[in-house]
């Protein structure tokens, strides 16, 4: 009964300590654009949730208001571009988003991230930004030395240097942020192996659920821990337990029998189990349904409210847009006024081509997509979904007799549901309307072979 009571109490506590935060400012050169504040539902799964939205005004001005508990990393977004920001309950922040002057002709892999600057003093974010600049410069200058050197002197000296530079900013969150980010250098340079890092940074230490650098190092260390020989857990036994055990308890017992003494640390052991299961979901040999079943048991039965939340968020994230999952619901109008919806596209394989107005790269793909359409003939339907004005793309296709539906899609939240980050992007739907792939390759990167393989997969299962 206690377990059933503890989780609602945790949610109540989080709600009580959640306070209003406000973010205002302007976005240079961006009129009537969507600005969002996005929370990470936890710092381990990093599941994103939009918690506030606003449209920029005539001069790019905006104002966001929401609630947040404690101090943690979140994201601010303008259109589809995002940037990290650290927020604390009660914050009132003023930002200026910098105008994106990058060329539309750039490769989709060279797009610039969202840039902003503070219009009012913000010591925490400023110190984190400055530390990250120093950290990245150190890494660039010393990458080869770090990989070749036999001792930890470079990293120790860097720690002392940053202590001197940032020691006057007395903030516990920032100290932990620096500590765990520098520790990641020890792992990357192999100056300390996973076992040493576990003993130094995690075993018998407080779990910092809200510090992104703690969670990043935790995942780096434990992501492959259960799969590696270092854990002392037999791989075949691990696969058997995950795939055939009736409950989480057997999996938990297996973890406690590894090389690290975890039998008396229920909290750490369970978090390792959650991270391990999330890794197993996309690891060959593990049954995905059983992985989700074990995560669901943690989400329902854990004594630790944080773990219930993390397990539930991993389930949502792992199952989003995977093969066979439901397509996000949508209903749009084509140039001819016909409804294009997730329901109307059922009946055959459909390739959704997400495009952006005035993008030369998107337009250059049209002829390649038409070749693929001809290759599959009536088995494959093409639909272009254009962010912005469709006239240029529509005229281009009309002049060259390319015939498939075009619809305008300006709903940023809908694009987010499809996980669209760049243009062009491609999503393939199965004949029943479910997702075949939300990460289809570019047409000049074997898209045709990719589609053919998924068609065969569908036919084999139906």
Foldseek 3Di string as FASTA:
>chain_A
DLLVPVQVVVVVVQVVQKAKEKEWEFEAPFAQWKKFKWAQLWLQLSQIDTFWIWTAHPRRITMTMGIGHAWAWIWMDTQLAIDIDIDGHPYYWYKYWYDQPDDLADDLVPGDGTDMDTPDDDVVRVLVVVVVVVVVVLCVVCVVVLQPDQACVSLVVVVVVVCVVCVVPDDPLVVVLVVLVSVVSCDVSVNDALVVCCVPPPVPDDQDTRRNSSSVSVLVSLLCCQVDCQFVQDNVVQQCCLAPPPALVVNLVSSCPTPDNCPPPVVSSVVSVLSNLLSVCPPPSHDNVSSLVHLVCCLVRPSDNSSVSVSVSSSVVSQQLEAPAAQDWDWFAWPVRDIDTLVVQAAAKEKEWEAEPPNPVQLVQLVLVVVLCVVCPPRYAYEYEYADDCVVVVVSCVVVVNDHTYTYDNPSVSCVSLPDNGPTAIWMAHNRSGGLGSHQDRSVPPSSVVVVVSVVVVVVVD
